[in-house]
Amino acid sequence: MSAVSVTPAWIAVDWGSSNLRAWAVNDDDAVIAQASSARGMLGLAADEFEDVLRVLINDWLPDDTTSPMPVLICGMAGARQGWQEAAYLPLPTEKTPSHDVLAALGERLTHVTTRDSRLAVAIVPGLCQQQPTYDVMRGEETQLAGLVAAQPDYSGAVCLPGTHAKWAHLASGAITGFSTFMSGELYKLLSQDSVLKHSVAAGDLSDAAQRGAYLEGIDTALAAPERTTAQLFGIRARDLLDTALPQGDARKAVLGARLSGLVLGLELAGATAELSDHATITLIGDAVLCQRYQVALEHLGYHVTTAANADMILAGLGRIQRARSAAQASSSDRGSSSARASSSDRASVSH
């Protein structure tokens, strides 16, 4: 639960598959309190989300039910299996007018009806594309919006490492396309549920032998991606036959590093195929995972910058919340103008 009683202007929420994070934000978009929970989307039924959220943020909610607290949620709460599905916002195609979908996120929010009248909940939509391939993202759009909030004219590649890594391309702050690579899930399956589980273990790239094996795996996959599955089985064969490898846990750690390099190298073969030499790539995500990507990308000659995951989520939600507030103010102004016009018309008729 939240440990501090505060009065925020609004509440930012990142609801992932396995955890939940919330931030109380003031009028200056500064975080004044935060809270977290292990109640992620995968462990909840649709009718449980509101209670889980209320328990976490109850100390931040107003006593006055006539002024509900704005709550803006990104992530898996908007999935089909989540609290309420938030439809994907499609990227423009050759047959549709060009527009900036990241700028439009605040206009396409899904508003959730709650039992607690102190809550005004809205969920950020994900993004989808149909060309050149079908693809979707949910949660990463908010991180990208955060990057653009910090760098409005950003152009270049952005990588968001994770179980399903996203590679997005931006031009002058607008997303032009993206691709998803299942490298994280593939590594987990191979290391835990394949014949390789007997030969590999997690390790640490600060170890010289493991770092060397990792980079060798990267280079091998990039040089001949079509032979990657053969190289994968080669890890098992090395474990059985290579007398030059260390023994015991060190042996498994070195082979695990090679597996990690092969899997990521296969991803990079596709993700960097159209990038220029020495291009700049921005990484957004978990610090440890981003560090593994950074080691590989700098080894290949790319210039890498990193952005903190939570910072980008908060910046993105802040940008979307400002658009939400502006839209609400505009709607209120139109309503007031319409009411005044109607009143004037009635007065004219009475005279």
Protein backbone atom coordinates (compact mmCIF):
# COMPACT_ATOMS: atom_id res chain seq x y z
CA MET A 1 0.00 0.00 0.00
CA SER A 2 0.99 3.64 -0.27
CA ALA A 3 2.63 4.78 2.94
CA VAL A 4 2.18 8.52 2.55
CA SER A 5 -1.05 10.51 2.56
CA VAL A 6 -0.79 13.23 -0.09
CA THR A 7 -3.09 15.21 -2.35
CA PRO A 8 -1.93 14.85 -5.97
CA ALA A 9 -3.28 16.59 -9.05
CA TRP A 10 -3.46 13.23 -10.80
CA ILE A 11 -2.17 9.66 -10.50
CA ALA A 12 0.05 7.87 -13.04
CA VAL A 13 -0.11 4.08 -13.24
CA ASP A 14 1.98 1.52 -15.11
CA TRP A 15 0.16 -1.83 -14.95
CA GLY A 16 2.31 -4.64 -16.24
CA SER A 17 1.76 -8.36 -16.60
CA SER A 18 3.41 -9.16 -13.27
CA ASN A 19 3.45 -5.91 -11.27
CA LEU A 20 1.80 -2.55 -10.76
CA ARG A 21 3.38 0.84 -10.10
CA ALA A 22 1.64 4.10 -9.21
CA TRP A 23 2.88 7.66 -8.76
CA ALA A 24 1.11 10.62 -7.15
CA VAL A 25 1.86 13.66 -9.34
CA ASN A 26 1.37 17.34 -8.51
CA ASP A 27 0.43 20.25 -10.78
CA ASP A 28 4.07 20.67 -11.82
CA ASP A 29 4.25 17.00 -12.95
CA ALA A 30 6.56 16.23 -10.03
CA VAL A 31 6.20 12.90 -8.22
CA ILE A 32 5.24 13.45 -4.58
CA ALA A 33 4.63 9.81 -3.61
CA GLN A 34 4.82 6.35 -5.16
CA ALA A 35 3.63 2.84 -4.47
CA SER A 36 3.92 -0.61 -6.02
CA SER A 37 2.31 -4.03 -5.91
CA ALA A 38 2.92 -7.52 -7.25
CA ARG A 39 -0.69 -7.68 -8.48
CA GLY A 40 0.00 -7.70 -12.19
CA MET A 41 -2.53 -8.23 -14.98
CA LEU A 42 -1.89 -11.97 -15.32
CA GLY A 43 -3.11 -12.68 -11.78
CA LEU A 44 -6.32 -10.65 -11.94
CA ALA A 45 -9.86 -11.06 -13.22
CA ALA A 46 -11.46 -8.02 -14.84
CA ASP A 47 -13.61 -7.27 -11.80
CA GLU A 48 -10.59 -7.27 -9.45
CA PHE A 49 -8.64 -4.38 -10.98
CA GLU A 50 -10.54 -1.56 -9.31
CA ASP A 51 -10.16 -3.00 -5.81
CA VAL A 52 -6.44 -3.66 -6.29
CA LEU A 53 -5.90 -0.11 -7.52
CA ARG A 54 -7.96 1.45 -4.75
CA VAL A 55 -6.04 -0.43 -2.03
CA LEU A 56 -2.76 0.83 -3.50
CA ILE A 57 -3.71 4.51 -3.92
CA ASN A 58 -6.42 4.98 -1.29
CA ASP A 59 -4.32 7.43 0.76
CA TRP A 60 -4.12 9.72 -2.27
CA LEU A 61 -7.85 9.86 -3.05
CA PRO A 62 -10.04 12.83 -2.09
CA ASP A 63 -12.78 12.61 0.49
CA ASP A 64 -15.01 14.69 -1.77
CA THR A 65 -16.70 12.40 -4.30
CA THR A 66 -17.79 15.38 -6.42
CA SER A 67 -14.19 15.95 -7.60
CA PRO A 68 -12.88 12.56 -8.74
CA MET A 69 -9.15 11.95 -8.98
CA PRO A 70 -7.81 11.62 -12.57
CA VAL A 71 -5.99 8.28 -12.91
CA LEU A 72 -4.11 7.56 -16.15
CA ILE A 73 -3.05 3.97 -16.77
CA CYS A 74 -0.70 2.52 -19.37
CA GLY A 75 0.24 -1.09 -19.98
CA MET A 76 -1.57 -4.39 -19.74
CA ALA A 77 -4.66 -3.14 -17.88
CA GLY A 78 -5.86 -2.23 -21.37
CA ALA A 79 -5.26 -5.70 -22.83
CA ARG A 80 -8.15 -7.93 -23.89
CA GLN A 81 -7.54 -10.00 -20.73
CA GLY A 82 -7.15 -6.86 -18.57
CA TRP A 83 -9.47 -4.41 -16.81
CA GLN A 84 -11.05 -3.04 -19.97
CA GLU A 85 -9.75 -3.38 -23.51
CA ALA A 86 -8.28 -0.18 -24.89
CA ALA A 87 -8.37 -0.42 -28.67
CA TYR A 88 -5.10 -0.17 -30.57
CA LEU A 89 -4.40 3.08 -32.35
CA PRO A 90 -3.24 2.23 -35.89
CA LEU A 91 -0.18 3.73 -37.50
CA PRO A 92 -0.91 5.53 -40.76
CA THR A 93 -0.54 3.55 -43.99
CA GLU A 94 -0.06 4.45 -47.62
CA LYS A 95 -3.86 4.55 -47.94
CA THR A 96 -4.58 6.66 -44.85
CA PRO A 97 -3.72 10.29 -44.05
CA SER A 98 -0.40 10.81 -42.31
CA HIS A 99 -0.72 11.78 -38.66
CA ASP A 100 1.30 11.64 -35.45
CA VAL A 101 -0.16 8.76 -33.42
CA LEU A 102 1.98 9.47 -30.37
CA ALA A 103 0.50 12.97 -30.20
CA ALA A 104 -3.00 11.49 -30.54
CA LEU A 105 -2.78 9.10 -27.57
CA GLY A 106 -4.46 11.58 -25.22
CA GLU A 107 -7.40 11.89 -27.61
CA ARG A 108 -8.07 8.15 -27.82
CA LEU A 109 -8.20 7.14 -24.17
CA THR A 110 -10.57 4.44 -22.95
CA HIS A 111 -12.57 5.69 -19.97
CA VAL A 112 -13.44 3.09 -17.34
CA THR A 113 -16.63 3.18 -15.29
CA THR A 114 -15.78 2.60 -11.63
CA ARG A 115 -17.82 1.76 -8.54
CA ASP A 116 -15.82 4.27 -6.50
CA SER A 117 -16.93 7.74 -7.56
CA ARG A 118 -13.62 9.20 -6.34
CA LEU A 119 -11.87 7.63 -9.35
CA ALA A 120 -11.77 9.00 -12.92
CA VAL A 121 -9.85 6.23 -14.70
CA ALA A 122 -8.62 6.32 -18.30
CA ILE A 123 -6.42 3.77 -20.10
CA VAL A 124 -3.89 4.63 -22.79
CA PRO A 125 -4.34 2.79 -26.11
CA GLY A 126 -1.63 0.60 -27.57
CA LEU A 127 -0.39 0.93 -31.16
CA CYS A 128 -0.78 -1.41 -34.11
CA GLN A 129 0.38 -1.62 -37.69
CA GLN A 130 -0.53 -3.73 -40.71
CA GLN A 131 2.31 -2.76 -43.05
CA PRO A 132 4.92 -3.98 -43.78
CA THR A 133 3.95 -6.66 -41.24
CA TYR A 134 1.24 -7.06 -38.63
CA ASP A 135 2.45 -5.94 -35.20
CA VAL A 136 1.18 -4.52 -31.92
CA MET A 137 2.58 -2.83 -28.83
CA ARG A 138 1.01 -1.99 -25.49
CA GLY A 139 2.88 0.05 -22.88
CA GLU A 140 5.87 0.88 -25.06
CA GLU A 141 3.89 3.66 -26.79
CA THR A 142 3.92 5.55 -23.49
CA GLN A 143 7.70 5.18 -23.17
CA LEU A 144 8.09 6.49 -26.72
CA ALA A 145 5.79 9.41 -25.89
CA GLY A 146 8.08 10.11 -22.94
CA LEU A 147 11.14 10.14 -25.18
CA VAL A 148 9.43 12.59 -27.53
CA ALA A 149 8.38 14.75 -24.57
CA ALA A 150 12.07 15.04 -23.70
CA GLN A 151 13.29 15.27 -27.32
CA PRO A 152 10.42 16.57 -29.51
CA ASP A 153 12.35 16.27 -32.79
CA TYR A 154 13.90 12.86 -32.11
CA SER A 155 14.75 10.92 -35.26
CA GLY A 156 16.28 7.47 -35.28
CA ALA A 157 15.97 3.98 -33.85
CA VAL A 158 14.66 3.18 -30.39
CA CYS A 159 15.01 -0.25 -28.82
CA LEU A 160 12.89 -1.29 -25.86
CA PRO A 161 14.37 -4.59 -24.60
CA GLY A 162 12.14 -7.08 -22.85
CA THR A 163 10.53 -10.49 -23.15
CA HIS A 164 9.27 -9.24 -26.51
CA ALA A 165 11.72 -6.52 -27.57
CA LYS A 166 10.37 -3.61 -29.59
CA TRP A 167 12.37 -1.70 -32.18
CA ALA A 168 10.71 1.55 -33.25
CA HIS A 169 11.72 4.12 -35.82
CA LEU A 170 10.91 7.79 -35.28
CA ALA A 171 11.17 10.76 -37.64
CA SER A 172 10.92 14.26 -36.16
CA GLY A 173 9.16 12.87 -33.09
CA ALA A 174 6.62 10.75 -34.98
CA ILE A 175 6.70 6.95 -35.05
CA THR A 176 6.91 5.56 -38.59
CA GLY A 177 7.03 1.83 -37.84
CA PHE A 178 8.10 -0.84 -35.39
CA SER A 179 8.99 -4.52 -35.08
CA THR A 180 8.74 -7.03 -32.24
CA PHE A 181 11.39 -9.67 -31.56
CA MET A 182 10.63 -12.56 -29.17
CA SER A 183 14.26 -12.85 -28.09
CA GLY A 184 13.64 -12.74 -24.35
CA GLU A 185 11.00 -15.44 -24.48
CA LEU A 186 13.09 -17.51 -26.90
CA TYR A 187 16.10 -17.37 -24.57
CA LYS A 188 13.93 -18.44 -21.61
CA LEU A 189 12.46 -21.37 -23.54
CA LEU A 190 15.83 -22.55 -24.79
CA SER A 191 17.59 -22.19 -21.44
CA GLN A 192 14.82 -23.72 -19.34
CA ASP A 193 12.79 -26.06 -21.52
CA SER A 194 15.12 -27.41 -24.22
CA VAL A 195 18.00 -29.86 -24.28
CA LEU A 196 20.26 -26.85 -23.64
CA LYS A 197 18.97 -26.50 -20.07
CA HIS A 198 21.53 -29.12 -19.02
CA SER A 199 24.41 -27.04 -20.40
CA VAL A 200 23.72 -23.39 -19.61
CA ALA A 201 23.26 -21.05 -16.65
CA ALA A 202 22.83 -17.33 -16.11
CA GLY A 203 26.02 -15.36 -15.62
CA ASP A 204 27.64 -11.95 -15.50
CA LEU A 205 29.13 -10.09 -18.47
CA SER A 206 31.68 -8.46 -16.19
CA ASP A 207 33.47 -11.81 -16.31
CA ALA A 208 35.93 -11.71 -19.22
CA ALA A 209 35.29 -15.28 -20.40
CA GLN A 210 31.53 -14.83 -20.37
CA ARG A 211 31.73 -11.48 -22.12
CA GLY A 212 33.94 -13.01 -24.81
CA ALA A 213 31.53 -15.91 -25.33
CA TYR A 214 28.59 -13.49 -25.49
CA LEU A 215 30.19 -11.30 -28.15
CA GLU A 216 31.34 -14.34 -30.11
CA GLY A 217 27.73 -15.51 -30.15
CA ILE A 218 26.62 -12.07 -31.40
CA ASP A 219 29.18 -12.14 -34.23
CA THR A 220 28.37 -15.74 -35.19
CA ALA A 221 24.65 -15.10 -35.50
CA LEU A 222 25.17 -11.90 -37.48
CA ALA A 223 27.62 -13.55 -39.86
CA ALA A 224 25.28 -16.45 -40.73
CA PRO A 225 21.79 -16.00 -39.23
CA GLU A 226 20.50 -18.87 -41.37
CA ARG A 227 22.67 -21.29 -39.36
CA THR A 228 21.61 -20.06 -35.92
CA THR A 229 19.60 -23.16 -35.00
CA ALA A 230 22.60 -25.32 -35.85
CA GLN A 231 24.78 -23.09 -33.68
CA LEU A 232 22.27 -23.48 -30.87
CA PHE A 233 22.66 -27.25 -30.82
CA GLY A 234 26.38 -26.67 -31.02
CA ILE A 235 26.18 -25.37 -27.45
CA ARG A 236 25.16 -28.83 -26.27
CA ALA A 237 27.89 -30.43 -28.35
CA ARG A 238 30.50 -28.05 -26.90
CA ASP A 239 29.42 -28.95 -23.41
CA LEU A 240 30.02 -32.62 -24.19
CA LEU A 241 33.22 -32.30 -26.20
CA ASP A 242 35.09 -28.99 -25.68
CA THR A 243 37.92 -29.67 -23.24
CA ALA A 244 39.07 -26.03 -23.38
CA LEU A 245 36.01 -24.84 -21.50
CA PRO A 246 36.16 -24.40 -17.71
CA GLN A 247 34.45 -26.98 -15.52
CA GLY A 248 31.40 -26.81 -13.26
CA ASP A 249 29.29 -23.67 -12.91
CA ALA A 250 31.80 -21.57 -14.86
CA ARG A 251 31.34 -23.87 -17.86
CA LYS A 252 27.56 -23.42 -17.80
CA ALA A 253 27.89 -19.66 -17.39
CA VAL A 254 30.17 -19.36 -20.44
CA LEU A 255 27.83 -21.49 -22.55
CA GLY A 256 24.85 -19.50 -21.25
CA ALA A 257 26.55 -16.30 -22.37
CA ARG A 258 27.06 -17.79 -25.83
CA LEU A 259 23.38 -18.75 -25.98
CA SER A 260 22.41 -15.19 -25.02
CA GLY A 261 24.70 -13.82 -27.72
CA LEU A 262 23.32 -16.12 -30.42
CA VAL A 263 19.71 -15.22 -29.61
CA LEU A 264 20.37 -11.48 -29.44
CA GLY A 265 22.59 -11.64 -32.52
CA LEU A 266 19.69 -13.14 -34.47
CA GLU A 267 17.50 -10.23 -33.33
CA LEU A 268 20.13 -7.66 -34.28
CA ALA A 269 20.55 -9.23 -37.72
CA GLY A 270 16.99 -8.19 -38.44
CA ALA A 271 16.64 -5.07 -36.32
CA THR A 272 19.77 -3.31 -37.57
CA ALA A 273 19.64 -4.47 -41.20
CA GLU A 274 18.55 -1.06 -42.50
CA LEU A 275 20.50 1.11 -40.06
CA SER A 276 23.51 3.06 -41.24
CA ASP A 277 26.94 2.32 -39.82
CA HIS A 278 27.52 4.10 -36.50
CA ALA A 279 23.84 5.06 -36.22
CA THR A 280 22.54 6.24 -32.86
CA ILE A 281 20.20 3.87 -31.02
CA THR A 282 18.32 4.82 -27.86
CA LEU A 283 17.62 2.07 -25.32
CA ILE A 284 14.66 2.31 -22.93
CA GLY A 285 14.01 -0.40 -20.37
CA ASP A 286 15.35 -2.39 -17.45
CA ALA A 287 18.88 -1.19 -16.65
CA VAL A 288 20.45 -4.67 -16.53
CA LEU A 289 18.89 -5.79 -19.79
CA CYS A 290 19.73 -2.50 -21.52
CA GLN A 291 23.34 -2.97 -20.45
CA ARG A 292 23.51 -6.30 -22.29
CA TYR A 293 22.12 -4.66 -25.42
CA GLN A 294 24.52 -1.74 -25.07
CA VAL A 295 27.53 -4.06 -24.85
CA ALA A 296 26.46 -5.80 -28.06
CA LEU A 297 25.55 -2.65 -30.00
CA GLU A 298 28.71 -0.75 -29.10
CA HIS A 299 30.73 -3.85 -30.04
CA LEU A 300 29.10 -3.55 -33.49
CA GLY A 301 30.02 0.15 -33.77
CA TYR A 302 26.70 1.81 -32.98
CA HIS A 303 26.39 4.88 -30.79
CA VAL A 304 24.11 4.06 -27.86
CA THR A 305 22.20 6.32 -25.50
CA THR A 306 19.98 5.11 -22.66
CA ALA A 307 16.87 6.50 -20.99
CA ALA A 308 15.57 5.31 -17.63
CA ASN A 309 12.45 3.19 -17.91
CA ALA A 310 10.43 4.86 -15.13
CA ASP A 311 11.44 8.34 -16.29
CA MET A 312 10.12 7.68 -19.80
CA ILE A 313 6.86 6.17 -18.50
CA LEU A 314 6.24 9.19 -16.27
CA ALA A 315 7.18 11.66 -19.00
CA GLY A 316 4.92 9.86 -21.45
CA LEU A 317 1.97 9.70 -19.07
CA GLY A 318 2.53 13.37 -18.24
CA ARG A 319 2.39 14.31 -21.92
CA ILE A 320 -0.78 12.25 -22.41
CA GLN A 321 -2.40 13.64 -19.25
CA ARG A 322 -1.79 17.21 -20.44
CA ALA A 323 -3.50 16.35 -23.73
CA ARG A 324 -6.35 14.74 -21.77
CA SER A 325 -6.78 17.85 -19.64
CA ALA A 326 -6.67 20.12 -22.70
CA ALA A 327 -9.33 18.03 -24.43
CA GLN A 328 -11.56 18.15 -21.34
CA ALA A 329 -11.11 21.92 -21.06
CA SER A 330 -11.94 22.36 -24.73
CA SER A 331 -15.06 20.23 -24.35
CA SER A 332 -16.11 22.24 -21.31
CA ASP A 333 -15.59 25.51 -23.19
CA ARG A 334 -17.71 24.25 -26.10
CA GLY A 335 -20.42 23.22 -23.67
CA SER A 336 -20.39 26.63 -21.99
CA SER A 337 -20.51 28.44 -25.34
CA SER A 338 -23.40 26.27 -26.48
CA ALA A 339 -25.27 26.93 -23.24
CA ARG A 340 -24.72 30.69 -23.56
CA ALA A 341 -25.90 30.63 -27.17
CA SER A 342 -29.00 28.67 -26.21
CA SER A 343 -29.75 31.09 -23.38
CA SER A 344 -29.33 34.04 -25.77
CA ASP A 345 -31.69 32.43 -28.27
CA ARG A 346 -34.33 31.92 -25.61
CA ALA A 347 -33.96 35.54 -24.50
CA SER A 348 -34.41 36.75 -28.08
CA VAL A 349 -37.56 34.68 -28.50
CA SER A 350 -39.01 35.98 -25.22
CA HIS A 351 -38.54 39.54 -26.43
